[in-house]
Every structure is written in structure tokens, then in C-alpha cells.
Amino acid sequence: MLRSVRSVVLASACFCLASLGLGACGSAASPMSAGAASSAPGGSAAPSPALASPGSANSGPARSASVNPASQGFVGYDWLVVAISHDGKTTSIPAQLNVNIRFSQTGRFGADDSVNTYRGSFTTTPGGFMTSAIAGTLIGYAGHDPAVLLSQSMMIAFNSAPAAARVTGNQLVIRVASFTLTCQRHGPAGSLS
């Protein structure tokens, strides 16, 4: 048990240090984003065109210019993560964990994985968004809840990686690196200073 606590603390520290380093050098993408279109077990070799990651072979090069936020239905809202798919398995995320993602009208990104809080910036891209300068708290987690552990792993994928986003009604589906998140609109994003 002590070993897993140390692992989580070390991973969190590395994530924060990498975030600061990438933010300082202006990196536009992480090495993780190169594998964003990896194949799912027993499935297709590429993501569906509707969720092709910006910058993947299916969507052309990622663009750094912002798109009018009014054209992106996820901007300005708080989204509750209700399921995360990874490695061919979908895990339901209980509402009481309050795993959420927020996109302010001013380009600020916020997220909570039920243990740590993350803040940074985002720009919209055709079909999604790109985060940058993500920093988070360093609270360790000694538990074994698979939903919490998966939520923490998923948050690391947002560090300067292109993400595809599709809104249908009150549902947002995000594909970032090897994760697919299903989210429900939870209200306005509010201030993320």
C-alpha cells in the first residue's frame, strides 16, 4: 500500500513539473498526442471520423488559431464526467466523485479528478480544443477505487494534447490520447482564475 501511495505522489509530482516545463517552452503537443489514434483492442485502427483527434491523420494538422467560441458547444460550461473508456473498457464514474471538466468563456480550463484540481488554458480548434500550461494540486490517493484511479490517469492526458470534442444536446464526448470521456452538462463554468 505504501508503494502505491509513493507511486501516485511521484506521478503527480512528475505531472506538475512536466506541465510547468512544457508551458514554459511553449510546447504545442505532448508525445502522448502522437498516439491519440491508437487502435482499440479487437477494434478499428483509427478513431471514428466524428471523433478524430485534431492533428490526427483523419483531421489534418492541428491549428493554433482559436475558433469562435460560440461555434463550440462545450465552451462556457461545467461538464460532469459520467464514463471513461480506456483500453477497450468503459468505466462508469459515480456522480458523487464529482469528476468534472470546465471551459470558461475566457479560455481558462479547469478539471477535478475527485482528488486533485487542475487549471490551465485552452484554445478551440476545428473539432475540439488544445490545453496548455496545466498545473494541478499534489494530493496523494492511497485508495484502490478504479474510477478514481482512472480519472487521475485521464487528467494527465490533457497536458498540451489535442482533444476532439462533440456536443449532442447535453452530452459532450471528448477523445484525448487513448481516453474517451462521456460527460453531461452540469451548469455554467463560472470563473476559473
N, C-alpha and C. Protein backbone atom coordinates (compact mmCIF):
# COMPACT_ATOMS: atom_id res chain seq x y z
N MET A 1 0.83 -1.19 0.00
CA MET A 1 0.00 0.00 0.00
C MET A 1 0.87 1.25 0.00
N LEU A 2 1.93 1.23 0.80
CA LEU A 2 2.83 2.38 0.83
C LEU A 2 3.45 2.60 -0.54
N ARG A 3 3.71 1.50 -1.25
CA ARG A 3 4.29 1.61 -2.58
C ARG A 3 3.36 2.33 -3.55
N SER A 4 2.05 2.02 -3.50
CA SER A 4 1.12 2.70 -4.41
C SER A 4 0.93 4.16 -4.04
N VAL A 5 1.01 4.51 -2.77
CA VAL A 5 0.93 5.91 -2.36
C VAL A 5 2.13 6.66 -2.92
N ARG A 6 3.31 6.06 -2.78
CA ARG A 6 4.51 6.70 -3.32
C ARG A 6 4.41 6.86 -4.84
N SER A 7 3.88 5.85 -5.51
CA SER A 7 3.74 5.92 -6.96
C SER A 7 2.83 7.05 -7.39
N VAL A 8 1.70 7.19 -6.71
CA VAL A 8 0.75 8.25 -7.06
C VAL A 8 1.35 9.62 -6.78
N VAL A 9 2.03 9.78 -5.65
CA VAL A 9 2.66 11.06 -5.32
C VAL A 9 3.74 11.38 -6.33
N LEU A 10 4.56 10.38 -6.68
CA LEU A 10 5.62 10.60 -7.66
C LEU A 10 5.04 10.95 -9.03
N ALA A 11 3.99 10.25 -9.44
CA ALA A 11 3.35 10.55 -10.72
C ALA A 11 2.77 11.96 -10.73
N SER A 12 2.13 12.36 -9.64
CA SER A 12 1.56 13.71 -9.55
C SER A 12 2.66 14.77 -9.62
N ALA A 13 3.76 14.54 -8.93
CA ALA A 13 4.87 15.50 -8.94
C ALA A 13 5.45 15.61 -10.35
N CYS A 14 5.64 14.46 -11.01
CA CYS A 14 6.17 14.48 -12.38
C CYS A 14 5.23 15.22 -13.32
N PHE A 15 3.92 14.98 -13.16
CA PHE A 15 2.93 15.65 -14.00
C PHE A 15 3.03 17.16 -13.85
N CYS A 16 3.10 17.64 -12.61
CA CYS A 16 3.17 19.09 -12.39
C CYS A 16 4.47 19.67 -12.93
N LEU A 17 5.58 19.00 -12.69
CA LEU A 17 6.86 19.50 -13.21
C LEU A 17 6.86 19.51 -14.74
N ALA A 18 6.33 18.46 -15.35
CA ALA A 18 6.26 18.42 -16.81
C ALA A 18 5.35 19.52 -17.33
N SER A 19 4.23 19.77 -16.63
CA SER A 19 3.31 20.83 -17.04
C SER A 19 4.00 22.18 -17.05
N LEU A 20 4.73 22.45 -15.99
CA LEU A 20 5.43 23.73 -15.90
C LEU A 20 6.50 23.84 -16.99
N GLY A 21 7.23 22.75 -17.22
CA GLY A 21 8.27 22.76 -18.24
C GLY A 21 7.71 22.95 -19.63
N LEU A 22 6.64 22.22 -19.96
CA LEU A 22 6.04 22.36 -21.28
C LEU A 22 5.40 23.73 -21.46
N GLY A 23 4.79 24.24 -20.42
CA GLY A 23 4.18 25.57 -20.51
C GLY A 23 5.23 26.64 -20.73
N ALA A 24 6.39 26.49 -20.08
CA ALA A 24 7.44 27.48 -20.20
C ALA A 24 8.08 27.48 -21.58
N CYS A 25 8.17 26.29 -22.21
CA CYS A 25 8.82 26.25 -23.50
C CYS A 25 7.84 26.41 -24.65
N GLY A 26 6.54 26.51 -24.35
CA GLY A 26 5.56 26.76 -25.40
C GLY A 26 5.27 25.55 -26.26
N SER A 27 5.46 24.36 -25.72
CA SER A 27 5.20 23.15 -26.49
C SER A 27 3.75 23.10 -26.93
N ALA A 28 3.51 22.72 -28.18
CA ALA A 28 2.15 22.67 -28.70
C ALA A 28 1.53 21.30 -28.58
N ALA A 29 2.33 20.26 -28.35
CA ALA A 29 1.78 18.92 -28.24
C ALA A 29 2.71 18.05 -27.42
N SER A 30 2.15 17.07 -26.77
CA SER A 30 2.95 16.14 -25.98
C SER A 30 3.21 14.90 -26.79
N PRO A 31 4.20 14.09 -26.40
CA PRO A 31 4.44 12.84 -27.10
C PRO A 31 3.23 11.92 -27.03
N MET A 32 2.41 12.03 -25.99
CA MET A 32 1.23 11.19 -25.86
C MET A 32 0.26 11.44 -26.99
N SER A 33 0.21 12.68 -27.50
CA SER A 33 -0.78 13.01 -28.52
C SER A 33 -0.49 12.32 -29.84
N ALA A 34 0.76 11.92 -30.07
CA ALA A 34 1.09 11.23 -31.31
C ALA A 34 0.37 9.90 -31.39
N GLY A 35 0.06 9.29 -30.26
CA GLY A 35 -0.64 8.02 -30.24
C GLY A 35 -2.12 8.16 -30.02
N ALA A 36 -2.66 9.34 -30.22
CA ALA A 36 -4.07 9.57 -29.92
C ALA A 36 -4.99 8.72 -30.76
N ALA A 37 -4.53 8.30 -31.92
CA ALA A 37 -5.39 7.49 -32.79
C ALA A 37 -5.03 6.02 -32.71
N SER A 38 -4.52 5.58 -31.56
CA SER A 38 -4.15 4.18 -31.42
C SER A 38 -5.36 3.28 -31.54
N SER A 39 -5.11 2.07 -31.94
CA SER A 39 -6.23 1.15 -32.16
C SER A 39 -6.74 0.60 -30.84
N ALA A 40 -8.03 0.34 -30.80
CA ALA A 40 -8.65 -0.26 -29.63
C ALA A 40 -8.55 -1.76 -29.77
N PRO A 41 -8.46 -2.51 -28.65
CA PRO A 41 -8.37 -3.96 -28.73
C PRO A 41 -9.54 -4.53 -29.51
N GLY A 42 -9.21 -5.36 -30.49
CA GLY A 42 -10.23 -6.02 -31.29
C GLY A 42 -11.04 -5.07 -32.14
N GLY A 43 -10.60 -3.85 -32.28
CA GLY A 43 -11.41 -2.86 -32.99
C GLY A 43 -10.68 -2.26 -34.16
N SER A 44 -11.09 -1.08 -34.51
CA SER A 44 -10.56 -0.41 -35.69
C SER A 44 -9.19 0.18 -35.41
N ALA A 45 -8.48 0.48 -36.46
CA ALA A 45 -7.14 1.02 -36.33
C ALA A 45 -7.15 2.53 -36.22
N ALA A 46 -8.29 3.17 -36.37
CA ALA A 46 -8.35 4.63 -36.31
C ALA A 46 -9.64 5.04 -35.63
N PRO A 47 -9.65 6.24 -35.00
CA PRO A 47 -10.87 6.70 -34.36
C PRO A 47 -11.92 7.00 -35.42
N SER A 48 -13.17 7.05 -34.99
CA SER A 48 -14.23 7.39 -35.93
C SER A 48 -14.03 8.81 -36.41
N PRO A 49 -14.37 9.10 -37.66
CA PRO A 49 -14.16 10.45 -38.19
C PRO A 49 -14.81 11.52 -37.34
N ALA A 50 -15.94 11.23 -36.70
CA ALA A 50 -16.62 12.23 -35.89
C ALA A 50 -15.81 12.60 -34.66
N LEU A 51 -14.93 11.68 -34.20
CA LEU A 51 -14.12 11.96 -33.03
C LEU A 51 -12.64 11.91 -33.34
N ALA A 52 -12.24 12.14 -34.59
CA ALA A 52 -10.83 12.15 -34.93
C ALA A 52 -10.16 13.27 -34.16
N SER A 53 -9.05 12.97 -33.53
CA SER A 53 -8.33 13.96 -32.74
C SER A 53 -7.76 15.03 -33.64
N PRO A 54 -7.86 16.31 -33.25
CA PRO A 54 -7.24 17.36 -34.04
C PRO A 54 -5.75 17.05 -34.18
N GLY A 55 -5.25 17.13 -35.39
CA GLY A 55 -3.85 16.83 -35.63
C GLY A 55 -3.62 15.38 -36.01
N SER A 56 -4.66 14.54 -36.01
CA SER A 56 -4.51 13.14 -36.41
C SER A 56 -4.62 13.04 -37.92
N ALA A 57 -4.32 11.86 -38.43
CA ALA A 57 -4.36 11.66 -39.88
C ALA A 57 -5.73 11.92 -40.46
N ASN A 58 -6.79 11.76 -39.67
CA ASN A 58 -8.14 11.95 -40.17
C ASN A 58 -8.60 13.40 -40.19
N SER A 59 -7.90 14.28 -39.53
CA SER A 59 -8.42 15.64 -39.43
C SER A 59 -7.47 16.70 -39.97
N GLY A 60 -6.29 16.32 -40.43
CA GLY A 60 -5.35 17.31 -40.92
C GLY A 60 -4.57 17.91 -39.77
N PRO A 61 -3.71 18.88 -40.03
CA PRO A 61 -2.85 19.45 -39.00
C PRO A 61 -3.66 20.25 -37.98
N ALA A 62 -3.19 20.18 -36.73
CA ALA A 62 -3.83 20.98 -35.68
C ALA A 62 -3.53 22.44 -35.94
N ARG A 63 -4.48 23.29 -35.65
CA ARG A 63 -4.30 24.72 -35.86
C ARG A 63 -4.21 25.40 -34.51
N SER A 64 -3.37 26.43 -34.43
CA SER A 64 -3.21 27.13 -33.17
C SER A 64 -4.17 28.30 -33.04
N ALA A 65 -4.75 28.73 -34.14
CA ALA A 65 -5.67 29.86 -34.08
C ALA A 65 -6.98 29.43 -33.43
N SER A 66 -7.55 30.30 -32.63
CA SER A 66 -8.81 29.99 -31.97
C SER A 66 -9.96 30.09 -32.96
N VAL A 67 -10.94 29.25 -32.74
CA VAL A 67 -12.19 29.30 -33.49
C VAL A 67 -13.14 30.11 -32.63
N ASN A 68 -14.11 30.75 -33.24
CA ASN A 68 -15.10 31.50 -32.49
C ASN A 68 -15.73 30.59 -31.44
N PRO A 69 -15.56 30.89 -30.11
CA PRO A 69 -16.09 30.03 -29.07
C PRO A 69 -17.60 29.77 -29.20
N ALA A 70 -18.32 30.67 -29.84
CA ALA A 70 -19.76 30.47 -29.99
C ALA A 70 -20.05 29.24 -30.85
N SER A 71 -19.09 28.86 -31.71
CA SER A 71 -19.29 27.69 -32.56
C SER A 71 -18.98 26.38 -31.83
N GLN A 72 -18.42 26.46 -30.66
CA GLN A 72 -18.08 25.28 -29.87
C GLN A 72 -19.07 25.15 -28.72
N GLY A 73 -19.91 24.14 -28.75
CA GLY A 73 -20.98 23.99 -27.77
C GLY A 73 -20.53 23.63 -26.36
N PHE A 74 -19.24 23.33 -26.16
CA PHE A 74 -18.77 22.96 -24.82
C PHE A 74 -18.25 24.14 -24.02
N VAL A 75 -17.91 25.24 -24.69
CA VAL A 75 -17.33 26.41 -24.04
C VAL A 75 -18.36 27.11 -23.16
N GLY A 76 -17.95 27.48 -21.96
CA GLY A 76 -18.82 28.20 -21.03
C GLY A 76 -19.56 27.28 -20.08
N TYR A 77 -19.24 25.98 -20.10
CA TYR A 77 -19.98 25.04 -19.27
C TYR A 77 -19.08 24.18 -18.39
N ASP A 78 -19.69 23.68 -17.32
CA ASP A 78 -19.11 22.69 -16.42
C ASP A 78 -19.70 21.35 -16.87
N TRP A 79 -18.84 20.35 -17.10
CA TRP A 79 -19.26 19.05 -17.59
C TRP A 79 -18.90 17.98 -16.58
N LEU A 80 -19.87 17.20 -16.15
CA LEU A 80 -19.67 16.10 -15.21
C LEU A 80 -19.30 14.85 -16.02
N VAL A 81 -18.16 14.26 -15.70
CA VAL A 81 -17.71 13.05 -16.40
C VAL A 81 -18.51 11.87 -15.85
N VAL A 82 -19.23 11.16 -16.72
CA VAL A 82 -20.08 10.05 -16.28
C VAL A 82 -19.50 8.69 -16.69
N ALA A 83 -18.57 8.67 -17.65
CA ALA A 83 -17.94 7.42 -18.06
C ALA A 83 -16.61 7.73 -18.73
N ILE A 84 -15.65 6.83 -18.56
CA ILE A 84 -14.35 6.94 -19.22
C ILE A 84 -14.06 5.60 -19.88
N SER A 85 -13.74 5.65 -21.18
CA SER A 85 -13.34 4.44 -21.90
C SER A 85 -11.83 4.50 -22.12
N HIS A 86 -11.17 3.37 -21.85
CA HIS A 86 -9.71 3.28 -21.99
C HIS A 86 -9.34 1.81 -22.16
N ASP A 87 -8.47 1.53 -23.09
CA ASP A 87 -8.02 0.16 -23.34
C ASP A 87 -9.18 -0.81 -23.56
N GLY A 88 -10.19 -0.36 -24.29
CA GLY A 88 -11.31 -1.23 -24.64
C GLY A 88 -12.32 -1.46 -23.54
N LYS A 89 -12.18 -0.78 -22.42
CA LYS A 89 -13.09 -0.96 -21.28
C LYS A 89 -13.71 0.38 -20.91
N THR A 90 -15.02 0.38 -20.65
CA THR A 90 -15.71 1.59 -20.22
C THR A 90 -16.02 1.47 -18.74
N THR A 91 -15.65 2.51 -17.99
CA THR A 91 -15.89 2.56 -16.54
C THR A 91 -16.85 3.69 -16.23
N SER A 92 -17.93 3.39 -15.53
CA SER A 92 -18.86 4.43 -15.08
C SER A 92 -18.20 5.21 -13.95
N ILE A 93 -18.40 6.52 -13.97
CA ILE A 93 -17.85 7.39 -12.92
C ILE A 93 -19.02 7.88 -12.08
N PRO A 94 -19.10 7.46 -10.81
CA PRO A 94 -20.22 7.87 -9.95
C PRO A 94 -20.27 9.40 -9.78
N ALA A 95 -21.47 9.94 -9.79
CA ALA A 95 -21.66 11.39 -9.67
C ALA A 95 -21.07 11.94 -8.38
N GLN A 96 -21.12 11.16 -7.29
CA GLN A 96 -20.61 11.66 -6.01
C GLN A 96 -19.10 11.91 -6.03
N LEU A 97 -18.37 11.35 -7.01
CA LEU A 97 -16.94 11.66 -7.13
C LEU A 97 -16.72 13.06 -7.69
N ASN A 98 -17.71 13.62 -8.38
CA ASN A 98 -17.65 14.97 -8.94
C ASN A 98 -16.43 15.16 -9.85
N VAL A 99 -16.17 14.18 -10.71
CA VAL A 99 -15.11 14.31 -11.72
C VAL A 99 -15.69 15.22 -12.80
N ASN A 100 -15.04 16.36 -13.03
CA ASN A 100 -15.61 17.32 -13.97
C ASN A 100 -14.56 18.07 -14.74
N ILE A 101 -15.01 18.68 -15.83
CA ILE A 101 -14.17 19.49 -16.71
C ILE A 101 -14.93 20.77 -16.99
N ARG A 102 -14.22 21.92 -16.96
CA ARG A 102 -14.85 23.22 -17.18
C ARG A 102 -14.08 24.01 -18.23
N PHE A 103 -14.84 24.70 -19.06
CA PHE A 103 -14.28 25.55 -20.11
C PHE A 103 -14.90 26.94 -19.97
N SER A 104 -14.13 27.92 -19.51
CA SER A 104 -14.69 29.27 -19.34
C SER A 104 -14.75 29.99 -20.68
N GLN A 105 -15.56 31.03 -20.72
CA GLN A 105 -15.66 31.88 -21.92
C GLN A 105 -14.35 32.63 -22.19
N THR A 106 -13.49 32.74 -21.17
CA THR A 106 -12.24 33.49 -21.31
C THR A 106 -11.04 32.62 -21.66
N GLY A 107 -11.27 31.34 -22.01
CA GLY A 107 -10.17 30.47 -22.41
C GLY A 107 -9.47 29.76 -21.28
N ARG A 108 -10.07 29.72 -20.10
CA ARG A 108 -9.49 29.00 -18.96
C ARG A 108 -10.09 27.60 -18.87
N PHE A 109 -9.25 26.62 -18.56
CA PHE A 109 -9.63 25.22 -18.44
C PHE A 109 -9.51 24.83 -16.98
N GLY A 110 -10.48 24.11 -16.48
CA GLY A 110 -10.44 23.60 -15.11
C GLY A 110 -10.94 22.17 -15.08
N ALA A 111 -10.41 21.38 -14.16
CA ALA A 111 -10.84 19.99 -14.05
C ALA A 111 -10.60 19.49 -12.63
N ASP A 112 -11.39 18.52 -12.24
CA ASP A 112 -11.23 17.84 -10.95
C ASP A 112 -11.33 16.34 -11.19
N ASP A 113 -10.42 15.56 -10.58
CA ASP A 113 -10.47 14.10 -10.73
C ASP A 113 -10.97 13.42 -9.46
N SER A 114 -11.58 14.15 -8.56
CA SER A 114 -12.11 13.76 -7.26
C SER A 114 -11.06 13.83 -6.16
N VAL A 115 -9.78 13.95 -6.52
CA VAL A 115 -8.72 14.10 -5.53
C VAL A 115 -7.98 15.41 -5.77
N ASN A 116 -7.57 15.65 -7.00
CA ASN A 116 -6.79 16.84 -7.35
C ASN A 116 -7.58 17.77 -8.27
N THR A 117 -7.17 19.03 -8.25
CA THR A 117 -7.76 20.07 -9.08
C THR A 117 -6.71 20.53 -10.08
N TYR A 118 -7.12 20.79 -11.32
CA TYR A 118 -6.22 21.20 -12.37
C TYR A 118 -6.72 22.50 -12.99
N ARG A 119 -5.79 23.39 -13.37
CA ARG A 119 -6.13 24.65 -14.02
C ARG A 119 -5.13 24.90 -15.14
N GLY A 120 -5.59 25.58 -16.17
CA GLY A 120 -4.73 25.93 -17.28
C GLY A 120 -5.51 26.75 -18.29
N SER A 121 -5.05 26.72 -19.52
CA SER A 121 -5.69 27.45 -20.61
C SER A 121 -6.09 26.47 -21.70
N PHE A 122 -7.01 26.91 -22.55
CA PHE A 122 -7.36 26.11 -23.72
C PHE A 122 -7.67 27.05 -24.88
N THR A 123 -7.49 26.54 -26.07
CA THR A 123 -7.94 27.22 -27.28
C THR A 123 -8.80 26.22 -28.05
N THR A 124 -9.83 26.72 -28.69
CA THR A 124 -10.65 25.84 -29.50
C THR A 124 -9.93 25.60 -30.82
N THR A 125 -10.17 24.43 -31.38
CA THR A 125 -9.62 24.04 -32.67
C THR A 125 -10.78 23.48 -33.49
N PRO A 126 -10.62 23.36 -34.78
CA PRO A 126 -11.71 22.74 -35.55
C PRO A 126 -11.95 21.32 -35.02
N GLY A 127 -13.11 21.09 -34.48
CA GLY A 127 -13.45 19.76 -33.97
C GLY A 127 -13.04 19.49 -32.54
N GLY A 128 -12.51 20.47 -31.82
CA GLY A 128 -12.10 20.20 -30.44
C GLY A 128 -11.41 21.35 -29.77
N PHE A 129 -10.35 21.02 -29.02
CA PHE A 129 -9.61 22.02 -28.27
C PHE A 129 -8.22 21.52 -27.96
N MET A 130 -7.36 22.44 -27.52
CA MET A 130 -6.00 22.13 -27.10
C MET A 130 -5.75 22.83 -25.77
N THR A 131 -5.27 22.10 -24.79
CA THR A 131 -4.97 22.70 -23.50
C THR A 131 -3.50 23.09 -23.45
N SER A 132 -3.17 23.98 -22.52
CA SER A 132 -1.77 24.36 -22.32
C SER A 132 -1.60 24.85 -20.89
N ALA A 133 -0.36 24.80 -20.44
CA ALA A 133 0.03 25.30 -19.11
C ALA A 133 -0.86 24.74 -18.00
N ILE A 134 -1.11 23.44 -18.02
CA ILE A 134 -1.94 22.80 -17.00
C ILE A 134 -1.09 22.57 -15.75
N ALA A 135 -1.60 22.98 -14.62
CA ALA A 135 -0.96 22.72 -13.33
C ALA A 135 -2.01 22.15 -12.39
N GLY A 136 -1.58 21.32 -11.47
CA GLY A 136 -2.54 20.69 -10.56
C GLY A 136 -2.03 20.61 -9.14
N THR A 137 -2.95 20.31 -8.24
CA THR A 137 -2.58 20.09 -6.85
C THR A 137 -1.86 18.75 -6.75
N LEU A 138 -1.18 18.51 -5.64
CA LEU A 138 -0.39 17.29 -5.46
C LEU A 138 -0.89 16.46 -4.28
N ILE A 139 -2.18 16.23 -4.23
CA ILE A 139 -2.74 15.44 -3.14
C ILE A 139 -2.61 13.96 -3.51
N GLY A 140 -2.05 13.17 -2.63
CA GLY A 140 -1.90 11.74 -2.87
C GLY A 140 -3.20 11.00 -2.64
N TYR A 141 -3.32 9.84 -3.24
CA TYR A 141 -4.50 8.99 -3.08
C TYR A 141 -4.03 7.59 -2.74
N ALA A 142 -4.40 7.09 -1.57
CA ALA A 142 -3.97 5.77 -1.11
C ALA A 142 -5.04 4.70 -1.35
N GLY A 143 -6.15 5.08 -1.97
CA GLY A 143 -7.24 4.14 -2.18
C GLY A 143 -7.06 3.27 -3.39
N HIS A 144 -8.05 2.43 -3.64
CA HIS A 144 -8.00 1.48 -4.74
C HIS A 144 -9.23 1.57 -5.64
N ASP A 145 -10.02 2.64 -5.52
CA ASP A 145 -11.23 2.77 -6.33
C ASP A 145 -10.85 2.92 -7.80
N PRO A 146 -11.25 1.97 -8.66
CA PRO A 146 -10.86 2.03 -10.07
C PRO A 146 -11.32 3.30 -10.77
N ALA A 147 -12.48 3.85 -10.39
CA ALA A 147 -12.98 5.07 -11.02
C ALA A 147 -12.08 6.26 -10.69
N VAL A 148 -11.61 6.34 -9.44
CA VAL A 148 -10.71 7.43 -9.04
C VAL A 148 -9.37 7.28 -9.74
N LEU A 149 -8.81 6.08 -9.75
CA LEU A 149 -7.51 5.86 -10.37
C LEU A 149 -7.56 6.15 -11.87
N LEU A 150 -8.64 5.74 -12.54
CA LEU A 150 -8.79 6.01 -13.97
C LEU A 150 -8.95 7.51 -14.23
N SER A 151 -9.70 8.19 -13.37
CA SER A 151 -9.88 9.65 -13.50
C SER A 151 -8.55 10.37 -13.39
N GLN A 152 -7.71 9.94 -12.45
CA GLN A 152 -6.40 10.58 -12.30
C GLN A 152 -5.53 10.34 -13.52
N SER A 153 -5.53 9.13 -14.05
CA SER A 153 -4.74 8.82 -15.25
C SER A 153 -5.22 9.64 -16.44
N MET A 154 -6.54 9.77 -16.56
CA MET A 154 -7.12 10.50 -17.68
C MET A 154 -6.71 11.97 -17.66
N MET A 155 -6.64 12.58 -16.49
CA MET A 155 -6.30 14.00 -16.42
C MET A 155 -4.91 14.29 -16.98
N ILE A 156 -3.98 13.36 -16.82
CA ILE A 156 -2.62 13.55 -17.34
C ILE A 156 -2.65 13.70 -18.86
N ALA A 157 -3.59 13.04 -19.52
CA ALA A 157 -3.68 13.08 -20.98
C ALA A 157 -4.01 14.48 -21.51
N PHE A 158 -4.59 15.34 -20.68
CA PHE A 158 -4.96 16.68 -21.13
C PHE A 158 -3.78 17.63 -21.25
N ASN A 159 -2.61 17.26 -20.76
CA ASN A 159 -1.48 18.17 -20.76
C ASN A 159 -0.97 18.43 -22.17
N SER A 160 -1.39 19.54 -22.75
CA SER A 160 -0.94 20.00 -24.07
C SER A 160 -1.21 19.00 -25.18
N ALA A 161 -2.25 18.20 -25.04
CA ALA A 161 -2.60 17.24 -26.09
C ALA A 161 -3.85 17.72 -26.82
N PRO A 162 -3.90 17.53 -28.14
CA PRO A 162 -5.13 17.89 -28.86
C PRO A 162 -6.26 16.96 -28.45
N ALA A 163 -7.45 17.50 -28.33
CA ALA A 163 -8.62 16.71 -27.95
C ALA A 163 -9.75 16.97 -28.94
N ALA A 164 -10.43 15.91 -29.32
CA ALA A 164 -11.62 16.03 -30.16
C ALA A 164 -12.81 16.16 -29.22
N ALA A 165 -13.78 16.98 -29.59
CA ALA A 165 -14.96 17.18 -28.75
C ALA A 165 -16.20 17.25 -29.62
N ARG A 166 -17.25 16.58 -29.17
CA ARG A 166 -18.52 16.61 -29.90
C ARG A 166 -19.65 16.76 -28.88
N VAL A 167 -20.49 17.76 -29.08
CA VAL A 167 -21.63 18.01 -28.22
C VAL A 167 -22.89 17.58 -28.95
N THR A 168 -23.72 16.80 -28.25
CA THR A 168 -25.04 16.41 -28.74
C THR A 168 -26.01 16.65 -27.60
N GLY A 169 -26.83 17.68 -27.73
CA GLY A 169 -27.74 18.04 -26.65
C GLY A 169 -26.96 18.42 -25.40
N ASN A 170 -27.20 17.72 -24.30
CA ASN A 170 -26.49 17.99 -23.04
C ASN A 170 -25.34 17.02 -22.80
N GLN A 171 -24.91 16.32 -23.84
CA GLN A 171 -23.82 15.35 -23.71
C GLN A 171 -22.60 15.83 -24.50
N LEU A 172 -21.43 15.71 -23.88
CA LEU A 172 -20.15 16.03 -24.50
C LEU A 172 -19.31 14.76 -24.52
N VAL A 173 -18.78 14.41 -25.69
CA VAL A 173 -17.86 13.29 -25.80
C VAL A 173 -16.51 13.87 -26.19
N ILE A 174 -15.49 13.56 -25.38
CA ILE A 174 -14.13 14.06 -25.59
C ILE A 174 -13.22 12.86 -25.84
N ARG A 175 -12.38 12.96 -26.86
CA ARG A 175 -11.36 11.95 -27.10
C ARG A 175 -10.02 12.64 -26.97
N VAL A 176 -9.22 12.18 -26.00
CA VAL A 176 -7.88 12.74 -25.79
C VAL A 176 -6.94 11.58 -25.52
N ALA A 177 -5.84 11.53 -26.27
CA ALA A 177 -4.89 10.42 -26.20
C ALA A 177 -5.67 9.12 -26.34
N SER A 178 -5.53 8.18 -25.41
CA SER A 178 -6.22 6.89 -25.51
C SER A 178 -7.50 6.84 -24.68
N PHE A 179 -8.01 7.99 -24.28
CA PHE A 179 -9.21 8.06 -23.43
C PHE A 179 -10.39 8.65 -24.20
N THR A 180 -11.57 8.14 -23.93
CA THR A 180 -12.81 8.74 -24.42
C THR A 180 -13.68 9.01 -23.21
N LEU A 181 -14.06 10.27 -23.04
CA LEU A 181 -14.87 10.68 -21.89
C LEU A 181 -16.29 10.97 -22.36
N THR A 182 -17.26 10.51 -21.60
CA THR A 182 -18.65 10.87 -21.84
C THR A 182 -19.05 11.77 -20.67
N CYS A 183 -19.53 12.97 -20.99
CA CYS A 183 -19.84 13.98 -19.97
C CYS A 183 -21.27 14.48 -20.13
N GLN A 184 -21.84 14.94 -19.03
CA GLN A 184 -23.16 15.56 -19.04
C GLN A 184 -23.02 17.01 -18.61
N ARG A 185 -23.75 17.91 -19.29
CA ARG A 185 -23.72 19.33 -18.92
C ARG A 185 -24.19 19.46 -17.48
N HIS A 186 -23.42 20.23 -16.70
CA HIS A 186 -23.68 20.34 -15.26
C HIS A 186 -23.95 21.77 -14.83
N GLY A 187 -23.92 22.71 -15.77
CA GLY A 187 -24.16 24.11 -15.46
C GLY A 187 -23.12 25.00 -16.08
N PRO A 188 -23.21 26.31 -15.81
CA PRO A 188 -22.22 27.25 -16.36
C PRO A 188 -20.85 27.04 -15.70
N ALA A 189 -19.79 27.33 -16.44
CA ALA A 189 -18.43 27.10 -15.96
C ALA A 189 -18.04 28.07 -14.84
N GLY A 190 -18.57 29.26 -14.83
CA GLY A 190 -18.18 30.23 -13.81
C GLY A 190 -16.78 30.73 -14.04
N SER A 191 -16.19 31.34 -13.03
CA SER A 191 -14.86 31.93 -13.13
C SER A 191 -13.79 30.88 -12.82
N LEU A 192 -12.76 30.84 -13.63
CA LEU A 192 -11.65 29.90 -13.42
C LEU A 192 -10.34 30.70 -13.36
N SER A 193 -10.19 31.52 -12.38
CA SER A 193 -8.97 32.33 -12.31
C SER A 193 -7.84 31.58 -11.68
